[in-house]
Amino acid sequence: MKRILIVEDDMALAQELQYLLISNQYDAQCVEEFTDVAGQILASQADMVLLDINLPEVDGQSVLRELRKTSDIPVIMVTAKGTEYDKVIGLDSGADDYVTKPFNPVELLARVKSQLRR
């Protein structure tokens, strides 16, 4: 079973994502502390990360840049920042995919499956 780590500070949304993933046969865990997020991601040994940009302690793009120094774990940015500029910055920072909120759950699952096939 593939493990997916959810890094989302809106706990209601994080739990919805967790339920969606668990319902589709993934082991999904949520980050609850937003300090040393990159370290938590590496320690989790997850197969993939769903990462929000707007986090309380640090922004998701900084987390992603830190993560990319030592890991090539697939990361899908899941964020409300949906301008073309935001998407380009996210992908240039090392994201493997970029999904804007609100998102279609079926599309998100297809993107997760696609990234995990690689």
N, C-alpha and C. Protein backbone atom coordinates (compact mmCIF):
# COMPACT_ATOMS: atom_id res chain seq x y z
N MET A 1 0.86 -1.18 0.00
CA MET A 1 0.00 0.00 0.00
C MET A 1 0.90 1.23 0.00
N LYS A 2 0.65 2.15 -0.91
CA LYS A 2 1.46 3.36 -1.03
C LYS A 2 1.08 4.35 0.07
N ARG A 3 2.11 4.97 0.66
CA ARG A 3 1.91 5.94 1.74
C ARG A 3 2.00 7.35 1.16
N ILE A 4 0.99 8.15 1.48
CA ILE A 4 0.94 9.54 1.03
C ILE A 4 0.87 10.44 2.24
N LEU A 5 1.75 11.44 2.28
CA LEU A 5 1.78 12.40 3.37
C LEU A 5 1.08 13.68 2.92
N ILE A 6 0.14 14.14 3.73
CA ILE A 6 -0.64 15.34 3.43
C ILE A 6 -0.11 16.48 4.29
N VAL A 7 0.37 17.54 3.64
CA VAL A 7 0.88 18.71 4.35
C VAL A 7 -0.09 19.86 4.04
N GLU A 8 -1.07 20.01 4.92
CA GLU A 8 -2.17 20.97 4.74
C GLU A 8 -2.57 21.49 6.11
N ASP A 9 -2.55 22.83 6.29
CA ASP A 9 -2.87 23.38 7.61
C ASP A 9 -4.36 23.52 7.88
N ASP A 10 -5.19 23.46 6.86
CA ASP A 10 -6.64 23.44 7.05
C ASP A 10 -7.01 22.00 7.41
N MET A 11 -7.19 21.75 8.69
CA MET A 11 -7.38 20.38 9.16
C MET A 11 -8.64 19.72 8.59
N ALA A 12 -9.68 20.49 8.33
CA ALA A 12 -10.88 19.90 7.73
C ALA A 12 -10.56 19.38 6.33
N LEU A 13 -9.84 20.17 5.55
CA LEU A 13 -9.45 19.74 4.21
C LEU A 13 -8.46 18.58 4.28
N ALA A 14 -7.52 18.65 5.21
CA ALA A 14 -6.54 17.56 5.36
C ALA A 14 -7.26 16.24 5.66
N GLN A 15 -8.26 16.30 6.52
CA GLN A 15 -9.01 15.08 6.85
C GLN A 15 -9.84 14.59 5.67
N GLU A 16 -10.39 15.52 4.88
CA GLU A 16 -11.12 15.12 3.67
C GLU A 16 -10.19 14.41 2.69
N LEU A 17 -9.00 14.99 2.51
CA LEU A 17 -8.01 14.36 1.63
C LEU A 17 -7.62 12.99 2.15
N GLN A 18 -7.41 12.90 3.45
CA GLN A 18 -7.04 11.63 4.06
C GLN A 18 -8.13 10.58 3.83
N TYR A 19 -9.37 10.96 4.06
CA TYR A 19 -10.49 10.04 3.84
C TYR A 19 -10.56 9.60 2.37
N LEU A 20 -10.41 10.55 1.46
CA LEU A 20 -10.45 10.25 0.02
C LEU A 20 -9.36 9.24 -0.33
N LEU A 21 -8.17 9.46 0.16
CA LEU A 21 -7.05 8.57 -0.17
C LEU A 21 -7.21 7.19 0.48
N ILE A 22 -7.60 7.17 1.74
CA ILE A 22 -7.80 5.88 2.42
C ILE A 22 -8.91 5.09 1.73
N SER A 23 -9.96 5.77 1.31
CA SER A 23 -11.07 5.11 0.61
C SER A 23 -10.64 4.51 -0.72
N ASN A 24 -9.51 4.98 -1.21
CA ASN A 24 -8.99 4.50 -2.49
C ASN A 24 -7.71 3.68 -2.32
N GLN A 25 -7.60 3.05 -1.16
CA GLN A 25 -6.55 2.07 -0.88
C GLN A 25 -5.15 2.64 -0.73
N TYR A 26 -5.04 3.88 -0.24
CA TYR A 26 -3.74 4.46 0.08
C TYR A 26 -3.62 4.60 1.60
N ASP A 27 -2.41 4.54 2.09
CA ASP A 27 -2.12 4.84 3.49
C ASP A 27 -1.83 6.33 3.54
N ALA A 28 -2.73 7.10 4.09
CA ALA A 28 -2.60 8.56 4.10
C ALA A 28 -2.43 9.07 5.52
N GLN A 29 -1.43 9.90 5.72
CA GLN A 29 -1.15 10.51 7.01
C GLN A 29 -1.10 12.02 6.84
N CYS A 30 -1.47 12.75 7.88
CA CYS A 30 -1.45 14.21 7.86
C CYS A 30 -0.36 14.74 8.79
N VAL A 31 0.35 15.75 8.31
CA VAL A 31 1.30 16.46 9.17
C VAL A 31 0.49 17.34 10.10
N GLU A 32 0.84 17.35 11.37
CA GLU A 32 0.11 18.16 12.34
C GLU A 32 0.95 19.30 12.91
N GLU A 33 2.26 19.19 12.82
CA GLU A 33 3.18 20.23 13.28
C GLU A 33 3.87 20.80 12.04
N PHE A 34 3.98 22.11 11.97
CA PHE A 34 4.51 22.74 10.77
C PHE A 34 5.90 23.34 10.98
N THR A 35 6.69 22.69 11.82
CA THR A 35 8.10 23.03 11.95
C THR A 35 8.89 21.87 11.38
N ASP A 36 9.97 22.17 10.69
CA ASP A 36 10.81 21.18 10.03
C ASP A 36 9.97 20.23 9.17
N VAL A 37 9.16 20.81 8.31
CA VAL A 37 8.26 20.00 7.47
C VAL A 37 9.07 19.11 6.53
N ALA A 38 10.13 19.64 5.94
CA ALA A 38 10.95 18.81 5.04
C ALA A 38 11.51 17.61 5.79
N GLY A 39 11.96 17.83 7.01
CA GLY A 39 12.48 16.74 7.83
C GLY A 39 11.41 15.70 8.13
N GLN A 40 10.20 16.17 8.40
CA GLN A 40 9.09 15.24 8.67
C GLN A 40 8.77 14.41 7.42
N ILE A 41 8.82 15.07 6.27
CA ILE A 41 8.54 14.35 5.01
C ILE A 41 9.57 13.25 4.81
N LEU A 42 10.82 13.58 4.98
CA LEU A 42 11.88 12.59 4.79
C LEU A 42 11.76 11.45 5.81
N ALA A 43 11.46 11.79 7.06
CA ALA A 43 11.34 10.78 8.11
C ALA A 43 10.12 9.87 7.90
N SER A 44 9.11 10.38 7.23
CA SER A 44 7.87 9.60 7.06
C SER A 44 8.04 8.41 6.12
N GLN A 45 9.05 8.46 5.28
CA GLN A 45 9.26 7.44 4.26
C GLN A 45 8.04 7.28 3.36
N ALA A 46 7.34 8.39 3.13
CA ALA A 46 6.16 8.38 2.26
C ALA A 46 6.57 8.14 0.81
N ASP A 47 5.62 7.67 0.02
CA ASP A 47 5.84 7.47 -1.40
C ASP A 47 5.49 8.71 -2.20
N MET A 48 4.73 9.62 -1.58
CA MET A 48 4.29 10.84 -2.25
C MET A 48 3.86 11.85 -1.21
N VAL A 49 3.88 13.14 -1.61
CA VAL A 49 3.44 14.22 -0.73
C VAL A 49 2.44 15.09 -1.46
N LEU A 50 1.35 15.44 -0.77
CA LEU A 50 0.43 16.48 -1.22
C LEU A 50 0.77 17.69 -0.36
N LEU A 51 1.22 18.77 -0.98
CA LEU A 51 1.80 19.90 -0.26
C LEU A 51 1.08 21.20 -0.58
N ASP A 52 0.58 21.86 0.46
CA ASP A 52 -0.02 23.18 0.32
C ASP A 52 1.10 24.22 0.31
N ILE A 53 0.86 25.36 -0.30
CA ILE A 53 1.85 26.44 -0.30
C ILE A 53 1.73 27.28 0.96
N ASN A 54 0.50 27.63 1.33
CA ASN A 54 0.29 28.51 2.49
C ASN A 54 0.25 27.69 3.78
N LEU A 55 1.38 27.68 4.47
CA LEU A 55 1.49 26.97 5.74
C LEU A 55 1.82 27.97 6.84
N PRO A 56 1.52 27.65 8.09
CA PRO A 56 1.70 28.63 9.17
C PRO A 56 3.14 29.00 9.50
N GLU A 57 4.06 28.07 9.46
CA GLU A 57 5.45 28.35 9.88
C GLU A 57 6.36 28.68 8.70
N VAL A 58 6.10 28.07 7.55
CA VAL A 58 6.96 28.21 6.38
C VAL A 58 6.11 27.98 5.15
N ASP A 59 6.50 28.56 4.02
CA ASP A 59 5.68 28.35 2.82
C ASP A 59 6.09 27.03 2.14
N GLY A 60 5.13 26.46 1.46
CA GLY A 60 5.33 25.16 0.82
C GLY A 60 6.43 25.16 -0.22
N GLN A 61 6.63 26.27 -0.91
CA GLN A 61 7.70 26.31 -1.91
C GLN A 61 9.07 26.20 -1.25
N SER A 62 9.24 26.81 -0.08
CA SER A 62 10.51 26.68 0.65
C SER A 62 10.71 25.24 1.11
N VAL A 63 9.63 24.62 1.57
CA VAL A 63 9.70 23.21 1.97
C VAL A 63 10.13 22.37 0.78
N LEU A 64 9.53 22.63 -0.37
CA LEU A 64 9.83 21.87 -1.57
C LEU A 64 11.29 22.05 -2.00
N ARG A 65 11.77 23.28 -1.98
CA ARG A 65 13.18 23.52 -2.35
C ARG A 65 14.13 22.79 -1.40
N GLU A 66 13.80 22.80 -0.11
CA GLU A 66 14.63 22.09 0.88
C GLU A 66 14.58 20.58 0.63
N LEU A 67 13.40 20.08 0.35
CA LEU A 67 13.21 18.66 0.10
C LEU A 67 13.99 18.20 -1.13
N ARG A 68 13.99 19.02 -2.16
CA ARG A 68 14.65 18.67 -3.42
C ARG A 68 16.18 18.60 -3.31
N LYS A 69 16.73 19.11 -2.24
CA LYS A 69 18.18 19.01 -2.04
C LYS A 69 18.61 17.56 -1.81
N THR A 70 17.70 16.75 -1.27
CA THR A 70 18.07 15.38 -0.92
C THR A 70 17.09 14.30 -1.38
N SER A 71 15.96 14.69 -1.95
CA SER A 71 14.93 13.69 -2.28
C SER A 71 14.25 14.00 -3.60
N ASP A 72 13.85 12.94 -4.30
CA ASP A 72 13.07 13.10 -5.52
C ASP A 72 11.67 12.53 -5.35
N ILE A 73 11.19 12.46 -4.10
CA ILE A 73 9.84 11.99 -3.81
C ILE A 73 8.83 12.80 -4.63
N PRO A 74 7.84 12.15 -5.23
CA PRO A 74 6.83 12.90 -5.98
C PRO A 74 6.05 13.85 -5.06
N VAL A 75 5.88 15.08 -5.53
CA VAL A 75 5.15 16.10 -4.77
C VAL A 75 4.12 16.73 -5.68
N ILE A 76 2.88 16.72 -5.22
CA ILE A 76 1.81 17.44 -5.91
C ILE A 76 1.45 18.63 -5.03
N MET A 77 1.59 19.82 -5.57
CA MET A 77 1.16 21.02 -4.85
C MET A 77 -0.36 21.08 -4.95
N VAL A 78 -1.02 21.21 -3.81
CA VAL A 78 -2.48 21.34 -3.75
C VAL A 78 -2.73 22.65 -3.03
N THR A 79 -3.13 23.68 -3.77
CA THR A 79 -3.15 25.02 -3.21
C THR A 79 -4.22 25.90 -3.83
N ALA A 80 -4.56 26.95 -3.13
CA ALA A 80 -5.52 27.93 -3.63
C ALA A 80 -4.86 28.92 -4.58
N LYS A 81 -3.54 28.96 -4.60
CA LYS A 81 -2.82 29.88 -5.49
C LYS A 81 -2.88 29.32 -6.90
N GLY A 82 -3.72 29.93 -7.73
CA GLY A 82 -3.97 29.33 -9.03
C GLY A 82 -3.62 30.16 -10.23
N THR A 83 -2.86 31.23 -10.04
CA THR A 83 -2.48 32.01 -11.22
C THR A 83 -1.45 31.23 -12.03
N GLU A 84 -1.31 31.61 -13.28
CA GLU A 84 -0.31 30.98 -14.12
C GLU A 84 1.09 31.14 -13.53
N TYR A 85 1.36 32.32 -12.98
CA TYR A 85 2.65 32.61 -12.35
C TYR A 85 2.90 31.66 -11.17
N ASP A 86 1.88 31.48 -10.32
CA ASP A 86 2.01 30.58 -9.17
C ASP A 86 2.32 29.16 -9.61
N LYS A 87 1.65 28.71 -10.66
CA LYS A 87 1.87 27.35 -11.15
C LYS A 87 3.30 27.19 -11.68
N VAL A 88 3.77 28.17 -12.42
CA VAL A 88 5.12 28.11 -12.96
C VAL A 88 6.15 28.09 -11.84
N ILE A 89 5.96 28.95 -10.83
CA ILE A 89 6.88 28.99 -9.68
C ILE A 89 6.88 27.64 -8.96
N GLY A 90 5.70 27.07 -8.75
CA GLY A 90 5.60 25.77 -8.07
C GLY A 90 6.31 24.67 -8.84
N LEU A 91 6.09 24.62 -10.14
CA LEU A 91 6.74 23.59 -10.95
C LEU A 91 8.24 23.83 -11.04
N ASP A 92 8.65 25.09 -11.15
CA ASP A 92 10.08 25.41 -11.17
C ASP A 92 10.76 25.10 -9.84
N SER A 93 10.00 25.14 -8.75
CA SER A 93 10.56 24.83 -7.43
C SER A 93 10.77 23.33 -7.23
N GLY A 94 10.21 22.54 -8.14
CA GLY A 94 10.42 21.09 -8.06
C GLY A 94 9.17 20.26 -7.92
N ALA A 95 8.00 20.89 -7.97
CA ALA A 95 6.75 20.11 -7.88
C ALA A 95 6.61 19.23 -9.12
N ASP A 96 6.04 18.06 -8.93
CA ASP A 96 5.80 17.15 -10.05
C ASP A 96 4.45 17.43 -10.72
N ASP A 97 3.56 18.05 -9.97
CA ASP A 97 2.24 18.41 -10.50
C ASP A 97 1.69 19.52 -9.62
N TYR A 98 0.63 20.16 -10.09
CA TYR A 98 0.08 21.34 -9.41
C TYR A 98 -1.43 21.31 -9.57
N VAL A 99 -2.15 21.26 -8.46
CA VAL A 99 -3.62 21.21 -8.47
C VAL A 99 -4.14 22.38 -7.66
N THR A 100 -5.10 23.11 -8.23
CA THR A 100 -5.65 24.25 -7.50
C THR A 100 -6.95 23.88 -6.81
N LYS A 101 -7.15 24.52 -5.66
CA LYS A 101 -8.38 24.36 -4.88
C LYS A 101 -9.41 25.36 -5.41
N PRO A 102 -10.65 25.01 -5.43
CA PRO A 102 -11.20 23.68 -5.15
C PRO A 102 -10.85 22.73 -6.30
N PHE A 103 -10.69 21.48 -5.99
CA PHE A 103 -10.28 20.50 -6.99
C PHE A 103 -11.34 19.42 -7.10
N ASN A 104 -11.30 18.72 -8.21
CA ASN A 104 -12.17 17.59 -8.43
C ASN A 104 -11.48 16.36 -7.83
N PRO A 105 -12.11 15.68 -6.87
CA PRO A 105 -11.46 14.52 -6.23
C PRO A 105 -11.04 13.43 -7.22
N VAL A 106 -11.84 13.19 -8.24
CA VAL A 106 -11.51 12.16 -9.22
C VAL A 106 -10.25 12.55 -9.99
N GLU A 107 -10.15 13.83 -10.34
CA GLU A 107 -8.95 14.30 -11.04
C GLU A 107 -7.72 14.21 -10.13
N LEU A 108 -7.86 14.58 -8.88
CA LEU A 108 -6.73 14.50 -7.95
C LEU A 108 -6.27 13.05 -7.82
N LEU A 109 -7.19 12.12 -7.67
CA LEU A 109 -6.82 10.70 -7.58
C LEU A 109 -6.10 10.23 -8.85
N ALA A 110 -6.54 10.69 -10.00
CA ALA A 110 -5.89 10.32 -11.26
C ALA A 110 -4.46 10.86 -11.30
N ARG A 111 -4.27 12.08 -10.80
CA ARG A 111 -2.93 12.67 -10.77
C ARG A 111 -2.03 11.93 -9.77
N VAL A 112 -2.59 11.54 -8.64
CA VAL A 112 -1.83 10.77 -7.65
C VAL A 112 -1.39 9.45 -8.28
N LYS A 113 -2.33 8.74 -8.89
CA LYS A 113 -2.02 7.46 -9.51
C LYS A 113 -0.97 7.62 -10.59
N SER A 114 -1.09 8.66 -11.38
CA SER A 114 -0.12 8.92 -12.45
C SER A 114 1.29 9.12 -11.91
N GLN A 115 1.42 9.91 -10.84
CA GLN A 115 2.73 10.16 -10.27
C GLN A 115 3.32 8.90 -9.63
N LEU A 116 2.49 8.11 -9.00
CA LEU A 116 2.98 6.90 -8.35
C LEU A 116 3.38 5.82 -9.34
N ARG A 117 2.89 5.88 -10.56
CA ARG A 117 3.30 4.91 -11.60
C ARG A 117 4.74 5.12 -12.03
N ARG A 118 5.24 6.32 -11.85
CA ARG A 118 6.59 6.64 -12.37
C ARG A 118 7.63 5.95 -11.59
